[in-house]
Amino acid sequence: MATTPCRDCGNEVSYSARACPQCGAPYPYLEKWDGYGFEYKSSVRLFGLPLLHISFKYRSNGTPVIANGVIAIGQFGFGVITIAQFGIGMITLGQFTFAAATIAQFTIAAYGICQIGVLYEGIGQLVFPLDKIL
């Protein structure tokens, strides 16, 4: 069975090891490991941002990678058009959002369709008018 040194502690590990038995490093046979999950960034950029950034990834220390692009898709997202569980953007679709226009479960937005929200204009199950709050 072929082995290689663990990138963190130098212990000999198998190329099929999911964790180092000595130090617990995930995928110890890889030279570099920056987390788990999926991430894609398009090479095309607009306004300095990737045209599309999809991220369902966590860094090795457990922090999430926020999808940040013109079109942002992920658990956490920030973009012009955002599809995310927790999203900020001009146009968003998500569970918790802060946006100009949105479809969400919980939101603060200018215009929206939501279950619960603070809106300037829109519909929802429980909506608080923004102009009455301010």
N, C-alpha and C. Protein backbone atom coordinates (compact mmCIF):
# COMPACT_ATOMS: atom_id res chain seq x y z
N MET A 1 0.85 -1.18 0.00
CA MET A 1 0.00 0.00 0.00
C MET A 1 0.89 1.25 0.00
N ALA A 2 0.63 2.16 -0.90
CA ALA A 2 1.43 3.38 -1.03
C ALA A 2 1.09 4.36 0.08
N THR A 3 2.13 4.99 0.62
CA THR A 3 1.93 5.98 1.67
C THR A 3 2.66 7.27 1.31
N THR A 4 2.32 8.31 2.03
CA THR A 4 2.93 9.62 1.86
C THR A 4 2.91 10.31 3.22
N PRO A 5 3.78 11.28 3.45
CA PRO A 5 3.73 11.99 4.73
C PRO A 5 2.52 12.92 4.82
N CYS A 6 1.93 12.98 6.01
CA CYS A 6 0.83 13.92 6.28
C CYS A 6 1.37 15.34 6.12
N ARG A 7 0.60 16.20 5.49
CA ARG A 7 1.05 17.56 5.25
C ARG A 7 1.19 18.35 6.55
N ASP A 8 0.49 17.97 7.63
CA ASP A 8 0.55 18.73 8.88
C ASP A 8 1.59 18.20 9.87
N CYS A 9 1.65 16.87 10.05
CA CYS A 9 2.53 16.33 11.08
C CYS A 9 3.66 15.45 10.56
N GLY A 10 3.62 15.06 9.29
CA GLY A 10 4.67 14.23 8.71
C GLY A 10 4.51 12.74 8.93
N ASN A 11 3.48 12.32 9.66
CA ASN A 11 3.20 10.90 9.87
C ASN A 11 2.88 10.24 8.53
N GLU A 12 3.33 9.01 8.31
CA GLU A 12 3.03 8.30 7.07
C GLU A 12 1.55 7.92 7.03
N VAL A 13 0.88 8.30 5.95
CA VAL A 13 -0.55 8.00 5.79
C VAL A 13 -0.80 7.42 4.41
N SER A 14 -1.90 6.72 4.29
CA SER A 14 -2.32 6.14 3.02
C SER A 14 -2.91 7.23 2.12
N TYR A 15 -2.82 7.01 0.82
CA TYR A 15 -3.45 7.93 -0.13
C TYR A 15 -4.97 7.88 -0.07
N SER A 16 -5.52 6.90 0.62
CA SER A 16 -6.98 6.81 0.75
C SER A 16 -7.47 7.29 2.11
N ALA A 17 -6.57 7.78 2.97
CA ALA A 17 -6.96 8.21 4.32
C ALA A 17 -7.83 9.46 4.27
N ARG A 18 -8.93 9.44 5.00
CA ARG A 18 -9.79 10.61 5.09
C ARG A 18 -9.29 11.56 6.18
N ALA A 19 -8.54 11.02 7.15
CA ALA A 19 -7.96 11.84 8.22
C ALA A 19 -6.67 11.18 8.69
N CYS A 20 -5.75 11.99 9.15
CA CYS A 20 -4.49 11.47 9.68
C CYS A 20 -4.75 10.85 11.05
N PRO A 21 -4.33 9.60 11.27
CA PRO A 21 -4.55 8.99 12.57
C PRO A 21 -3.72 9.65 13.68
N GLN A 22 -2.66 10.36 13.30
CA GLN A 22 -1.79 11.02 14.29
C GLN A 22 -2.35 12.38 14.72
N CYS A 23 -2.65 13.25 13.77
CA CYS A 23 -3.05 14.62 14.11
C CYS A 23 -4.49 14.96 13.75
N GLY A 24 -5.16 14.10 12.96
CA GLY A 24 -6.55 14.34 12.59
C GLY A 24 -6.75 15.24 11.38
N ALA A 25 -5.69 15.63 10.71
CA ALA A 25 -5.80 16.50 9.54
C ALA A 25 -6.67 15.83 8.47
N PRO A 26 -7.67 16.53 7.94
CA PRO A 26 -8.51 15.94 6.90
C PRO A 26 -7.74 15.80 5.58
N TYR A 27 -7.96 14.70 4.89
CA TYR A 27 -7.32 14.41 3.61
C TYR A 27 -5.81 14.72 3.68
N PRO A 28 -5.09 14.05 4.56
CA PRO A 28 -3.69 14.39 4.84
C PRO A 28 -2.73 14.17 3.67
N TYR A 29 -3.14 13.41 2.67
CA TYR A 29 -2.28 13.15 1.52
C TYR A 29 -2.26 14.31 0.53
N LEU A 30 -3.19 15.24 0.64
CA LEU A 30 -3.21 16.40 -0.25
C LEU A 30 -2.18 17.43 0.20
N GLU A 31 -1.48 18.04 -0.75
CA GLU A 31 -0.49 19.06 -0.41
C GLU A 31 -1.15 20.27 0.24
N LYS A 32 -2.34 20.62 -0.24
CA LYS A 32 -3.08 21.77 0.27
C LYS A 32 -4.54 21.40 0.39
N TRP A 33 -5.18 21.81 1.47
CA TRP A 33 -6.61 21.56 1.65
C TRP A 33 -7.21 22.78 2.29
N ASP A 34 -8.11 23.46 1.59
CA ASP A 34 -8.65 24.70 2.12
C ASP A 34 -10.12 24.60 2.54
N GLY A 35 -10.64 23.40 2.67
CA GLY A 35 -12.00 23.25 3.16
C GLY A 35 -12.77 22.21 2.39
N TYR A 36 -14.04 22.11 2.72
CA TYR A 36 -14.88 21.12 2.10
C TYR A 36 -16.14 21.77 1.55
N GLY A 37 -16.74 21.13 0.59
CA GLY A 37 -17.93 21.66 -0.05
C GLY A 37 -17.64 21.98 -1.50
N PHE A 38 -18.49 22.80 -2.09
CA PHE A 38 -18.39 23.13 -3.52
C PHE A 38 -18.28 24.63 -3.69
N GLU A 39 -17.40 25.06 -4.60
CA GLU A 39 -17.29 26.47 -4.94
C GLU A 39 -16.93 26.61 -6.41
N TYR A 40 -17.59 27.56 -7.08
CA TYR A 40 -17.28 27.87 -8.47
C TYR A 40 -17.33 29.38 -8.63
N LYS A 41 -16.30 29.94 -9.26
CA LYS A 41 -16.26 31.36 -9.63
C LYS A 41 -16.01 31.46 -11.11
N SER A 42 -16.85 32.18 -11.81
CA SER A 42 -16.61 32.37 -13.24
C SER A 42 -15.41 33.30 -13.44
N SER A 43 -14.72 33.10 -14.53
CA SER A 43 -13.56 33.95 -14.83
C SER A 43 -14.00 35.31 -15.39
N VAL A 44 -15.22 35.38 -15.88
CA VAL A 44 -15.75 36.64 -16.40
C VAL A 44 -16.09 37.53 -15.22
N ARG A 45 -15.64 38.79 -15.26
CA ARG A 45 -15.88 39.72 -14.17
C ARG A 45 -16.66 40.92 -14.67
N LEU A 46 -17.50 41.47 -13.79
CA LEU A 46 -18.29 42.65 -14.08
C LEU A 46 -18.29 43.50 -12.82
N PHE A 47 -17.94 44.76 -12.92
CA PHE A 47 -17.82 45.65 -11.76
C PHE A 47 -16.82 45.11 -10.74
N GLY A 48 -15.81 44.38 -11.19
CA GLY A 48 -14.81 43.82 -10.30
C GLY A 48 -15.22 42.55 -9.59
N LEU A 49 -16.45 42.09 -9.83
CA LEU A 49 -16.96 40.87 -9.20
C LEU A 49 -17.08 39.76 -10.23
N PRO A 50 -16.97 38.51 -9.80
CA PRO A 50 -17.24 37.42 -10.75
C PRO A 50 -18.69 37.53 -11.23
N LEU A 51 -18.91 37.25 -12.50
CA LEU A 51 -20.28 37.27 -13.02
C LEU A 51 -21.14 36.27 -12.26
N LEU A 52 -20.57 35.10 -11.94
CA LEU A 52 -21.28 34.07 -11.20
C LEU A 52 -20.37 33.49 -10.12
N HIS A 53 -20.85 33.47 -8.90
CA HIS A 53 -20.11 32.82 -7.82
C HIS A 53 -21.10 31.91 -7.08
N ILE A 54 -20.81 30.62 -7.11
CA ILE A 54 -21.61 29.62 -6.40
C ILE A 54 -20.74 29.08 -5.28
N SER A 55 -21.25 29.11 -4.06
CA SER A 55 -20.45 28.62 -2.94
C SER A 55 -21.31 27.91 -1.91
N PHE A 56 -21.04 26.64 -1.75
CA PHE A 56 -21.60 25.84 -0.66
C PHE A 56 -20.39 25.21 0.03
N LYS A 57 -19.44 26.07 0.40
CA LYS A 57 -18.14 25.62 0.89
C LYS A 57 -17.84 26.20 2.26
N TYR A 58 -17.08 25.42 3.02
CA TYR A 58 -16.58 25.86 4.32
C TYR A 58 -15.06 25.71 4.32
N ARG A 59 -14.37 26.70 4.85
CA ARG A 59 -12.92 26.63 4.98
C ARG A 59 -12.55 25.57 6.01
N SER A 60 -11.28 25.22 6.06
CA SER A 60 -10.82 24.18 6.98
C SER A 60 -11.05 24.56 8.44
N ASN A 61 -11.17 25.85 8.76
CA ASN A 61 -11.45 26.26 10.14
C ASN A 61 -12.95 26.35 10.44
N GLY A 62 -13.79 25.97 9.47
CA GLY A 62 -15.24 25.92 9.67
C GLY A 62 -16.00 27.16 9.26
N THR A 63 -15.32 28.21 8.80
CA THR A 63 -16.03 29.41 8.39
C THR A 63 -16.57 29.24 6.97
N PRO A 64 -17.79 29.72 6.73
CA PRO A 64 -18.36 29.57 5.39
C PRO A 64 -17.73 30.52 4.39
N VAL A 65 -17.70 30.09 3.14
CA VAL A 65 -17.25 30.94 2.04
C VAL A 65 -18.50 31.60 1.47
N ILE A 66 -18.57 32.90 1.55
CA ILE A 66 -19.75 33.65 1.11
C ILE A 66 -19.71 33.81 -0.40
N ALA A 67 -20.81 33.45 -1.06
CA ALA A 67 -20.93 33.67 -2.51
C ALA A 67 -21.03 35.17 -2.73
N ASN A 68 -20.11 35.72 -3.50
CA ASN A 68 -20.03 37.15 -3.70
C ASN A 68 -19.79 37.42 -5.17
N GLY A 69 -20.83 37.81 -5.89
CA GLY A 69 -20.69 38.05 -7.31
C GLY A 69 -21.89 38.81 -7.83
N VAL A 70 -21.87 39.12 -9.11
CA VAL A 70 -23.04 39.76 -9.72
C VAL A 70 -24.24 38.84 -9.51
N ILE A 71 -24.06 37.56 -9.79
CA ILE A 71 -25.05 36.54 -9.45
C ILE A 71 -24.40 35.67 -8.38
N ALA A 72 -24.99 35.67 -7.19
CA ALA A 72 -24.42 34.93 -6.06
C ALA A 72 -25.39 33.85 -5.63
N ILE A 73 -24.91 32.60 -5.58
CA ILE A 73 -25.74 31.47 -5.19
C ILE A 73 -25.01 30.70 -4.11
N GLY A 74 -25.68 30.48 -2.98
CA GLY A 74 -25.04 29.73 -1.91
C GLY A 74 -25.83 29.77 -0.62
N GLN A 75 -25.26 29.22 0.42
CA GLN A 75 -25.92 29.29 1.72
C GLN A 75 -25.91 30.74 2.21
N PHE A 76 -24.78 31.42 1.99
CA PHE A 76 -24.64 32.83 2.31
C PHE A 76 -24.29 33.54 1.02
N GLY A 77 -25.00 34.63 0.70
CA GLY A 77 -24.74 35.29 -0.56
C GLY A 77 -24.85 36.79 -0.50
N PHE A 78 -24.04 37.46 -1.32
CA PHE A 78 -24.05 38.90 -1.46
C PHE A 78 -23.82 39.21 -2.93
N GLY A 79 -24.81 39.83 -3.58
CA GLY A 79 -24.65 40.13 -5.00
C GLY A 79 -25.79 40.97 -5.53
N VAL A 80 -25.73 41.28 -6.79
CA VAL A 80 -26.81 42.02 -7.43
C VAL A 80 -28.05 41.13 -7.47
N ILE A 81 -27.88 39.91 -7.93
CA ILE A 81 -28.94 38.89 -7.91
C ILE A 81 -28.45 37.80 -6.99
N THR A 82 -29.18 37.53 -5.93
CA THR A 82 -28.73 36.59 -4.91
C THR A 82 -29.78 35.52 -4.65
N ILE A 83 -29.34 34.27 -4.69
CA ILE A 83 -30.17 33.14 -4.30
C ILE A 83 -29.42 32.47 -3.16
N ALA A 84 -29.94 32.63 -1.93
CA ALA A 84 -29.19 32.14 -0.77
C ALA A 84 -30.12 31.96 0.42
N GLN A 85 -29.67 31.16 1.36
CA GLN A 85 -30.42 31.02 2.60
C GLN A 85 -30.38 32.35 3.35
N PHE A 86 -29.19 32.95 3.43
CA PHE A 86 -29.01 34.27 4.03
C PHE A 86 -28.44 35.15 2.93
N GLY A 87 -29.25 36.09 2.41
CA GLY A 87 -28.81 36.85 1.26
C GLY A 87 -29.00 38.35 1.38
N ILE A 88 -28.07 39.07 0.76
CA ILE A 88 -28.14 40.52 0.63
C ILE A 88 -27.94 40.83 -0.84
N GLY A 89 -28.84 41.66 -1.40
CA GLY A 89 -28.69 42.00 -2.81
C GLY A 89 -29.78 42.91 -3.31
N MET A 90 -29.68 43.26 -4.57
CA MET A 90 -30.72 44.08 -5.19
C MET A 90 -31.98 43.24 -5.40
N ILE A 91 -31.80 42.06 -5.94
CA ILE A 91 -32.91 41.13 -6.16
C ILE A 91 -32.52 39.83 -5.48
N THR A 92 -33.32 39.38 -4.52
CA THR A 92 -32.95 38.18 -3.78
C THR A 92 -34.10 37.18 -3.73
N LEU A 93 -33.70 35.94 -3.60
CA LEU A 93 -34.62 34.84 -3.35
C LEU A 93 -33.97 34.05 -2.23
N GLY A 94 -34.64 33.93 -1.09
CA GLY A 94 -33.99 33.23 0.01
C GLY A 94 -34.85 33.11 1.24
N GLN A 95 -34.24 32.60 2.30
CA GLN A 95 -34.96 32.43 3.55
C GLN A 95 -34.90 33.71 4.38
N PHE A 96 -33.70 34.26 4.56
CA PHE A 96 -33.51 35.51 5.29
C PHE A 96 -32.82 36.48 4.34
N THR A 97 -33.48 37.61 4.03
CA THR A 97 -32.90 38.51 3.03
C THR A 97 -33.00 39.96 3.44
N PHE A 98 -32.12 40.75 2.87
CA PHE A 98 -32.12 42.20 2.95
C PHE A 98 -31.92 42.65 1.51
N ALA A 99 -32.96 43.31 0.93
CA ALA A 99 -32.90 43.54 -0.51
C ALA A 99 -33.77 44.71 -0.96
N ALA A 100 -33.59 45.08 -2.21
CA ALA A 100 -34.49 46.04 -2.84
C ALA A 100 -35.78 45.33 -3.23
N ALA A 101 -35.66 44.17 -3.86
CA ALA A 101 -36.83 43.37 -4.26
C ALA A 101 -36.56 41.92 -3.90
N THR A 102 -37.54 41.25 -3.29
CA THR A 102 -37.27 39.92 -2.79
C THR A 102 -38.50 39.01 -2.76
N ILE A 103 -38.22 37.74 -2.78
CA ILE A 103 -39.17 36.70 -2.40
C ILE A 103 -38.45 35.94 -1.30
N ALA A 104 -39.01 35.97 -0.09
CA ALA A 104 -38.29 35.40 1.04
C ALA A 104 -39.24 34.94 2.13
N GLN A 105 -38.68 34.17 3.06
CA GLN A 105 -39.46 33.79 4.23
C GLN A 105 -39.45 34.94 5.23
N PHE A 106 -38.26 35.48 5.54
CA PHE A 106 -38.11 36.62 6.43
C PHE A 106 -37.29 37.67 5.70
N THR A 107 -37.77 38.94 5.69
CA THR A 107 -37.05 39.93 4.90
C THR A 107 -37.21 41.35 5.42
N ILE A 108 -36.26 42.18 5.04
CA ILE A 108 -36.35 43.63 5.10
C ILE A 108 -36.08 44.07 3.68
N ALA A 109 -37.07 44.69 3.05
CA ALA A 109 -36.92 45.02 1.63
C ALA A 109 -37.81 46.18 1.24
N ALA A 110 -37.49 46.79 0.11
CA ALA A 110 -38.34 47.83 -0.45
C ALA A 110 -39.61 47.21 -1.02
N TYR A 111 -39.44 46.16 -1.81
CA TYR A 111 -40.58 45.48 -2.43
C TYR A 111 -40.40 43.99 -2.22
N GLY A 112 -41.49 43.32 -1.86
CA GLY A 112 -41.31 41.90 -1.67
C GLY A 112 -42.56 41.09 -1.47
N ILE A 113 -42.34 39.81 -1.57
CA ILE A 113 -43.33 38.79 -1.23
C ILE A 113 -42.66 37.96 -0.15
N CYS A 114 -43.31 37.87 1.00
CA CYS A 114 -42.63 37.19 2.10
C CYS A 114 -43.64 36.58 3.07
N GLN A 115 -43.13 35.76 3.96
CA GLN A 115 -43.97 35.25 5.03
C GLN A 115 -44.02 36.29 6.15
N ILE A 116 -42.84 36.75 6.59
CA ILE A 116 -42.74 37.79 7.61
C ILE A 116 -41.73 38.81 7.13
N GLY A 117 -42.12 40.09 7.15
CA GLY A 117 -41.17 41.07 6.66
C GLY A 117 -41.49 42.50 7.00
N VAL A 118 -40.47 43.32 6.84
CA VAL A 118 -40.60 44.76 6.90
C VAL A 118 -40.42 45.24 5.47
N LEU A 119 -41.49 45.80 4.91
CA LEU A 119 -41.50 46.15 3.49
C LEU A 119 -42.01 47.56 3.27
N TYR A 120 -41.50 48.20 2.23
CA TYR A 120 -42.08 49.46 1.79
C TYR A 120 -43.39 49.16 1.08
N GLU A 121 -43.35 48.14 0.23
CA GLU A 121 -44.54 47.74 -0.51
C GLU A 121 -44.44 46.25 -0.80
N GLY A 122 -45.51 45.54 -0.60
CA GLY A 122 -45.49 44.11 -0.89
C GLY A 122 -46.57 43.36 -0.11
N ILE A 123 -46.50 42.05 -0.23
CA ILE A 123 -47.50 41.22 0.43
C ILE A 123 -46.80 40.14 1.25
N GLY A 124 -47.54 39.67 2.25
CA GLY A 124 -46.99 38.60 3.07
C GLY A 124 -47.96 38.20 4.15
N GLN A 125 -47.60 37.17 4.87
CA GLN A 125 -48.44 36.67 5.94
C GLN A 125 -48.45 37.66 7.11
N LEU A 126 -47.29 38.18 7.46
CA LEU A 126 -47.16 39.17 8.53
C LEU A 126 -46.19 40.24 8.04
N VAL A 127 -46.74 41.37 7.58
CA VAL A 127 -45.93 42.42 6.98
C VAL A 127 -46.05 43.70 7.79
N PHE A 128 -44.90 44.29 8.07
CA PHE A 128 -44.85 45.57 8.77
C PHE A 128 -44.44 46.63 7.76
N PRO A 129 -45.28 47.65 7.51
CA PRO A 129 -44.94 48.68 6.53
C PRO A 129 -43.74 49.51 6.97
N LEU A 130 -42.73 49.63 6.14
CA LEU A 130 -41.51 50.34 6.45
C LEU A 130 -41.78 51.82 6.73
N ASP A 131 -42.66 52.44 5.98
CA ASP A 131 -42.94 53.86 6.18
C ASP A 131 -43.63 54.13 7.51
N LYS A 132 -44.34 53.19 8.07
CA LYS A 132 -45.00 53.36 9.38
C LYS A 132 -43.99 53.15 10.51
N ILE A 133 -42.98 52.31 10.29
CA ILE A 133 -41.96 52.05 11.31
C ILE A 133 -41.02 53.26 11.44
N LEU A 134 -40.66 53.84 10.28
CA LEU A 134 -39.75 54.99 10.28
C LEU A 134 -40.52 56.22 10.66
